[in-house]
Amino acid sequence: MFKSAVLKLTLWYVMLALALSLAFSTALYLFANKEIQEGLDHQYSELTKAETDQVKSPSIIGSELRVSSGHLVLDFFYLNASVLVLSSLAGYFLAKRTLKPIKEAHLAQVRFSEEASHELKTPLTSLKIATELALLKPKENPKELIKTLKDNLKDLNTLDNLINYLLLIARGEKEDQFEEINTQEISTQAIENINLLAKSKKIRIDTKVAKINLKASKFKMIQLLSILLDNAIKYSPPKSKILFNINRSNNQVIIKITDQGYGIAEDEIPHIFERYYRSKVFKSKNGFGLGLSVAKDIVKKHKGTIEVKSKINKGTSFIIKIPLS
């Protein structure tokens, strides 16, 4: 879309430059031609008065005028050809510079929409699963139904807070604030976000989370853990186990999430953090290939690192290291 816009804008710049150049050339040509004509006429008049043998006939003067006009036309042709080439190059450069802020704003809007959709997906999935389970067991006892409704209400509150948060970001009224947070608190929230999804596949999440305080974006850290846990559940077989550990080492918070899933092929590992990248084996799975790219961005904002270790049919581990200072 932007390539065609750049070309169109370049064409407009070239047409404007060429129109000005042609107008200037035409005016200059007419002026120069008039001056040459007047000069030759004056020369002929002076020579006539002197009555010398070198008087030129009007036909010779006309011939000289045509030769001079021909030279002028050729000079102006080269001038306008140069203007065409230079304006094309300059126009393309200016068009790219002009459209760059618009392109960046458009990409930011697209990225925001995609990430917002990705974030809304997790609580909506939980709501859907809880509702489906309740419908499958219509004769369930009232206590279980009340628990389901409470869980649904919690997910709805999460959605409401998330939508308000995203609206504030969209209006430019809020940025991710770094604050003192607790690893156990964010881990509990992340597990709650994906708990129903794990239960639907009968996947057990074994947690070993040390209580560590760090300065970070609470929303983004919960988002990071939710993405990685959601990914682990999505690509794990039913009735398997996920290990979720957080500890401290060398003034860093080490987060490690290990599943017993299908694994990632070695040649695909360098690409999994790319936006929209989908594994060839799991393209049939729901998703848009955004989760891991968002996760990497979050880690980068916290000046950390993320790496992956995987073996086919043996599972995958994601290791995140975030500095404490």
Protein backbone atom coordinates (compact mmCIF):
# COMPACT_ATOMS: atom_id res chain seq x y z
CA MET A 1 0.00 0.00 0.00
CA PHE A 2 2.74 2.46 0.98
CA LYS A 3 4.92 1.53 -2.00
CA SER A 4 2.19 2.60 -4.41
CA ALA A 5 1.57 5.75 -2.34
CA VAL A 6 5.29 6.62 -2.54
CA LEU A 7 5.27 6.12 -6.31
CA LYS A 8 2.14 8.26 -6.74
CA LEU A 9 3.55 11.05 -4.59
CA THR A 10 6.86 10.85 -6.47
CA LEU A 11 4.96 11.19 -9.75
CA TRP A 12 3.21 14.32 -8.44
CA TYR A 13 6.53 15.83 -7.36
CA VAL A 14 8.09 15.06 -10.76
CA MET A 15 5.11 16.50 -12.65
CA LEU A 16 5.24 19.68 -10.56
CA ALA A 17 9.00 20.09 -11.02
CA LEU A 18 8.75 19.35 -14.74
CA ALA A 19 5.83 21.78 -15.21
CA LEU A 20 7.79 24.57 -13.50
CA SER A 21 10.90 23.72 -15.49
CA LEU A 22 9.03 23.71 -18.81
CA ALA A 23 7.30 27.00 -17.97
CA PHE A 24 10.62 28.58 -17.03
CA SER A 25 12.33 27.15 -20.14
CA THR A 26 9.57 28.39 -22.44
CA ALA A 27 9.70 31.90 -20.95
CA LEU A 28 13.49 31.96 -21.13
CA TYR A 29 13.47 30.63 -24.69
CA LEU A 30 11.03 33.31 -25.86
CA PHE A 31 13.02 36.02 -24.09
CA ALA A 32 16.37 34.80 -25.47
CA ASN A 33 14.94 34.36 -28.97
CA LYS A 34 13.60 37.91 -28.86
CA GLU A 35 16.95 39.29 -27.70
CA ILE A 36 18.81 37.43 -30.47
CA GLN A 37 16.31 38.68 -33.06
CA GLU A 38 16.69 42.26 -31.84
CA GLY A 39 20.47 41.91 -31.76
CA LEU A 40 20.63 40.64 -35.33
CA ASP A 41 18.22 43.35 -36.49
CA HIS A 42 20.35 46.01 -34.81
CA GLN A 43 23.50 44.59 -36.36
CA TYR A 44 21.86 44.56 -39.81
CA SER A 45 20.68 48.16 -39.31
CA GLU A 46 24.15 49.39 -38.33
CA LEU A 47 25.81 47.62 -41.23
CA THR A 48 23.23 49.08 -43.63
CA LYS A 49 23.95 52.61 -42.43
CA ALA A 50 27.69 52.06 -42.86
CA GLU A 51 27.07 50.83 -46.43
CA THR A 52 29.90 48.28 -46.27
CA ASP A 53 30.40 45.23 -48.44
CA GLN A 54 29.81 43.02 -45.35
CA VAL A 55 26.13 43.85 -45.09
CA LYS A 56 24.15 40.67 -44.41
CA SER A 57 20.98 39.97 -46.24
CA PRO A 58 17.78 39.38 -44.27
CA SER A 59 17.83 35.71 -45.36
CA ILE A 60 21.27 35.17 -43.76
CA ILE A 61 20.06 36.83 -40.57
CA GLY A 62 17.00 34.56 -40.58
CA SER A 63 19.28 31.56 -41.04
CA GLU A 64 21.45 32.61 -38.09
CA LEU A 65 18.33 33.13 -36.00
CA ARG A 66 17.14 29.58 -36.78
CA VAL A 67 20.56 28.16 -35.88
CA SER A 68 20.61 30.08 -32.58
CA SER A 69 17.03 28.97 -31.81
CA GLY A 70 18.00 25.38 -32.56
CA HIS A 71 20.89 25.59 -30.09
CA LEU A 72 18.57 27.08 -27.46
CA VAL A 73 16.00 24.31 -27.97
CA LEU A 74 18.73 21.66 -27.60
CA ASP A 75 20.10 23.32 -24.45
CA PHE A 76 16.64 23.53 -22.91
CA PHE A 77 15.95 19.91 -23.85
CA TYR A 78 19.04 18.78 -21.92
CA LEU A 79 18.08 21.07 -19.05
CA ASN A 80 14.59 19.58 -18.77
CA ALA A 81 15.92 16.04 -19.17
CA SER A 82 18.26 16.72 -16.22
CA VAL A 83 15.36 18.18 -14.24
CA LEU A 84 13.32 15.04 -14.97
CA VAL A 85 16.07 12.71 -13.70
CA LEU A 86 16.97 14.79 -10.65
CA SER A 87 13.34 15.47 -9.69
CA SER A 88 12.59 11.74 -9.95
CA LEU A 89 15.38 10.91 -7.51
CA ALA A 90 14.64 13.84 -5.20
CA GLY A 91 10.87 13.24 -5.46
CA TYR A 92 11.22 9.57 -4.46
CA PHE A 93 13.39 10.53 -1.48
CA LEU A 94 10.99 13.29 -0.39
CA ALA A 95 7.94 11.05 -0.87
CA LYS A 96 9.45 8.41 1.42
CA ARG A 97 10.33 11.05 4.02
CA THR A 98 6.85 12.58 3.77
CA LEU A 99 5.04 9.27 4.18
CA LYS A 100 7.36 7.84 6.83
CA PRO A 101 5.47 9.32 9.86
CA ILE A 102 2.15 8.21 8.36
CA LYS A 103 3.50 4.71 7.76
CA GLU A 104 4.87 4.49 11.31
CA ALA A 105 1.55 5.68 12.74
CA HIS A 106 -0.33 3.13 10.63
CA LEU A 107 1.99 0.29 11.69
CA ALA A 108 1.65 1.34 15.34
CA GLN A 109 -2.13 1.29 14.98
CA VAL A 110 -2.06 -2.16 13.36
CA ARG A 111 0.32 -3.46 16.03
CA PHE A 112 -1.86 -2.05 18.81
CA SER A 113 -5.00 -3.61 17.32
CA GLU A 114 -3.33 -6.99 16.97
CA GLU A 115 -1.89 -6.98 20.48
CA ALA A 116 -5.18 -5.78 21.95
CA SER A 117 -6.98 -8.62 20.18
CA HIS A 118 -4.38 -11.07 21.44
CA GLU A 119 -4.81 -9.85 25.02
CA LEU A 120 -8.60 -10.02 24.90
CA LYS A 121 -8.44 -13.58 23.61
CA THR A 122 -7.26 -15.19 26.89
CA PRO A 123 -10.13 -14.06 29.19
CA LEU A 124 -12.63 -14.65 26.39
CA THR A 125 -11.32 -18.21 25.99
CA SER A 126 -11.71 -18.78 29.73
CA LEU A 127 -15.28 -17.47 29.61
CA LYS A 128 -16.10 -19.68 26.66
CA ILE A 129 -14.69 -22.82 28.29
CA ALA A 130 -16.46 -22.16 31.61
CA THR A 131 -19.78 -21.57 29.85
CA GLU A 132 -19.41 -24.69 27.70
CA LEU A 133 -18.61 -26.80 30.76
CA ALA A 134 -21.64 -25.40 32.60
CA LEU A 135 -23.89 -26.22 29.64
CA LEU A 136 -22.50 -29.76 29.47
CA LYS A 137 -23.51 -30.26 33.09
CA PRO A 138 -26.91 -28.58 33.41
CA LYS A 139 -27.77 -30.64 36.49
CA GLU A 140 -24.63 -29.62 38.32
CA ASN A 141 -25.19 -28.68 41.97
CA PRO A 142 -25.85 -25.00 42.78
CA LYS A 143 -22.48 -24.55 44.52
CA GLU A 144 -20.60 -25.50 41.35
CA LEU A 145 -22.79 -23.22 39.25
CA ILE A 146 -22.19 -20.33 41.64
CA LYS A 147 -18.44 -21.00 41.45
CA THR A 148 -18.62 -20.97 37.64
CA LEU A 149 -20.53 -17.68 37.69
CA LYS A 150 -17.97 -16.18 40.08
CA ASP A 151 -15.15 -17.28 37.80
CA ASN A 152 -16.98 -15.79 34.84
CA LEU A 153 -17.47 -12.54 36.74
CA LYS A 154 -13.76 -12.45 37.52
CA ASP A 155 -12.95 -12.92 33.83
CA LEU A 156 -15.44 -10.18 32.93
CA ASN A 157 -13.77 -7.83 35.42
CA THR A 158 -10.42 -8.70 33.87
CA LEU A 159 -11.83 -7.90 30.43
CA ASP A 160 -13.27 -4.61 31.68
CA ASN A 161 -9.95 -3.54 33.24
CA LEU A 162 -8.06 -4.64 30.15
CA ILE A 163 -10.35 -2.71 27.80
CA ASN A 164 -10.03 0.43 29.94
CA TYR A 165 -6.26 0.04 30.03
CA LEU A 166 -6.05 -0.39 26.26
CA LEU A 167 -8.30 2.61 25.69
CA LEU A 168 -6.01 4.77 27.82
CA ILE A 169 -2.98 3.61 25.83
CA ALA A 170 -4.82 4.24 22.54
CA ARG A 171 -5.55 7.82 23.64
CA GLY A 172 -1.95 8.33 24.67
CA GLU A 173 -3.01 8.90 28.27
CA LYS A 174 -1.11 5.98 29.74
CA GLU A 175 2.23 4.31 29.24
CA ASP A 176 3.59 1.23 30.92
CA GLN A 177 4.63 2.34 34.40
CA PHE A 178 7.48 0.53 36.10
CA GLU A 179 6.68 -0.12 39.75
CA GLU A 180 7.71 -2.39 42.57
CA ILE A 181 6.04 -5.77 41.92
CA ASN A 182 6.16 -9.23 43.45
CA THR A 183 6.89 -12.37 41.37
CA GLN A 184 4.43 -14.49 43.35
CA GLU A 185 1.62 -12.00 42.81
CA ILE A 186 2.10 -11.76 39.03
CA SER A 187 2.53 -15.55 38.77
CA THR A 188 -0.77 -16.16 40.58
CA GLN A 189 -2.57 -13.73 38.25
CA ALA A 190 -1.02 -15.31 35.13
CA ILE A 191 -2.02 -18.81 36.24
CA GLU A 192 -5.58 -17.63 36.95
CA ASN A 193 -5.71 -16.25 33.41
CA ILE A 194 -4.98 -19.63 31.83
CA ASN A 195 -6.31 -21.97 34.55
CA LEU A 196 -9.50 -23.00 32.74
CA LEU A 197 -7.60 -23.65 29.52
CA ALA A 198 -5.21 -25.94 31.42
CA LYS A 199 -8.13 -27.74 33.10
CA SER A 200 -9.88 -28.29 29.78
CA LYS A 201 -6.84 -30.32 28.63
CA LYS A 202 -6.25 -31.80 32.09
CA ILE A 203 -2.76 -30.28 32.17
CA ARG A 204 -1.10 -29.83 35.56
CA ILE A 205 1.02 -26.74 36.22
CA ASP A 206 3.70 -27.35 38.85
CA THR A 207 4.88 -24.03 40.22
CA LYS A 208 7.99 -23.18 42.19
CA VAL A 209 8.03 -19.41 42.45
CA ALA A 210 10.36 -17.57 44.81
CA LYS A 211 9.13 -14.30 46.28
CA ILE A 212 11.23 -11.67 44.55
CA ASN A 213 10.59 -7.95 44.35
CA LEU A 214 11.55 -6.18 41.14
CA LYS A 215 10.81 -2.94 39.34
CA ALA A 216 8.77 -3.69 36.23
CA SER A 217 5.48 -3.14 34.45
CA LYS A 218 2.95 -5.27 36.31
CA PHE A 219 0.57 -5.43 33.35
CA LYS A 220 3.34 -6.39 30.92
CA MET A 221 4.88 -9.02 33.20
CA ILE A 222 1.50 -10.72 33.71
CA GLN A 223 1.02 -10.52 29.96
CA LEU A 224 4.44 -12.13 29.37
CA LEU A 225 3.79 -15.04 31.75
CA SER A 226 0.25 -15.54 30.38
CA ILE A 227 1.54 -15.71 26.80
CA LEU A 228 4.22 -18.29 27.63
CA LEU A 229 1.89 -20.43 29.75
CA ASP A 230 -0.87 -20.21 27.14
CA ASN A 231 1.65 -21.28 24.49
CA ALA A 232 2.85 -24.19 26.61
CA ILE A 233 -0.74 -25.42 27.13
CA LYS A 234 -1.67 -24.96 23.47
CA TYR A 235 1.22 -27.11 22.21
CA SER A 236 1.13 -29.76 24.93
CA PRO A 237 -0.78 -33.04 24.76
CA PRO A 238 -3.66 -33.60 27.20
CA LYS A 239 -2.85 -34.88 30.70
CA SER A 240 0.74 -33.63 30.51
CA LYS A 241 2.65 -31.40 32.92
CA ILE A 242 4.11 -27.88 32.78
CA LEU A 243 6.91 -26.75 35.08
CA PHE A 244 6.81 -23.07 36.02
CA ASN A 245 9.80 -21.83 38.03
CA ILE A 246 10.96 -18.38 39.08
CA ASN A 247 14.15 -17.84 41.08
CA ARG A 248 16.96 -15.37 41.59
CA SER A 249 20.52 -15.74 40.32
CA ASN A 250 23.36 -13.20 39.92
CA ASN A 251 21.11 -10.19 40.48
CA GLN A 252 18.65 -11.48 37.88
CA VAL A 253 15.15 -12.92 37.96
CA ILE A 254 15.18 -16.24 36.10
CA ILE A 255 11.81 -17.39 34.73
CA LYS A 256 11.64 -20.87 33.26
CA ILE A 257 8.57 -22.50 31.74
CA THR A 258 8.96 -26.08 30.52
CA ASP A 259 6.32 -28.21 28.81
CA GLN A 260 6.14 -31.83 27.68
CA GLY A 261 4.81 -30.89 24.28
CA TYR A 262 5.64 -31.65 20.68
CA GLY A 263 8.77 -29.52 20.59
CA ILE A 264 10.09 -27.12 17.96
CA ALA A 265 12.23 -28.15 15.00
CA GLU A 266 15.80 -26.83 15.21
CA ASP A 267 15.53 -24.93 11.91
CA GLU A 268 12.39 -23.13 13.18
CA ILE A 269 13.78 -21.93 16.52
CA PRO A 270 15.50 -18.81 15.03
CA HIS A 271 12.12 -17.72 13.56
CA ILE A 272 9.62 -18.32 16.37
CA PHE A 273 9.92 -14.76 17.74
CA GLU A 274 9.20 -13.24 14.33
CA ARG A 275 5.86 -11.49 13.97
CA TYR A 276 3.18 -13.66 12.26
CA TYR A 277 5.51 -16.68 12.10
CA ARG A 278 3.61 -19.95 12.39
CA SER A 279 5.24 -23.35 12.67
CA LYS A 280 4.67 -25.46 9.58
CA VAL A 281 3.55 -28.36 11.77
CA PHE A 282 1.01 -26.35 13.84
CA LYS A 283 -0.53 -23.98 11.30
CA SER A 284 -3.88 -25.65 11.94
CA LYS A 285 -3.81 -24.38 15.57
CA ASN A 286 -5.69 -21.20 16.43
CA GLY A 287 -3.55 -18.08 16.53
CA PHE A 288 -1.91 -15.42 14.43
CA GLY A 289 1.76 -15.90 15.30
CA LEU A 290 1.83 -12.81 17.54
CA GLY A 291 2.29 -14.16 21.08
CA LEU A 292 6.02 -14.86 21.11
CA SER A 293 6.89 -11.65 19.24
CA VAL A 294 4.93 -9.69 21.88
CA ALA A 295 6.71 -11.67 24.63
CA LYS A 296 10.11 -10.79 23.16
CA ASP A 297 9.15 -7.09 23.00
CA ILE A 298 8.15 -7.16 26.68
CA VAL A 299 11.44 -8.80 27.70
CA LYS A 300 13.35 -6.25 25.62
CA LYS A 301 11.53 -3.35 27.35
CA HIS A 302 12.70 -4.78 30.66
CA LYS A 303 16.30 -5.06 29.35
CA GLY A 304 16.18 -8.83 29.66
CA THR A 305 16.83 -11.83 27.43
CA ILE A 306 14.69 -14.72 26.28
CA GLU A 307 15.91 -18.02 24.91
CA VAL A 308 14.34 -21.32 23.95
CA LYS A 309 15.53 -24.91 24.20
CA SER A 310 13.53 -27.63 22.53
CA LYS A 311 13.62 -31.22 21.39
CA ILE A 312 11.06 -32.84 19.14
CA ASN A 313 8.55 -34.93 21.12
CA LYS A 314 10.35 -34.12 24.38
CA GLY A 315 9.18 -30.61 25.13
CA THR A 316 10.24 -26.99 25.10
CA SER A 317 11.71 -24.63 27.68
CA PHE A 318 11.56 -20.84 27.62
CA ILE A 319 14.11 -19.10 29.84
CA ILE A 320 13.76 -15.39 30.60
CA LYS A 321 16.39 -13.41 32.46
CA ILE A 322 15.48 -9.94 33.73
CA PRO A 323 17.99 -7.78 35.63
CA LEU A 324 16.96 -6.60 39.08
CA SER A 325 18.73 -3.25 38.71
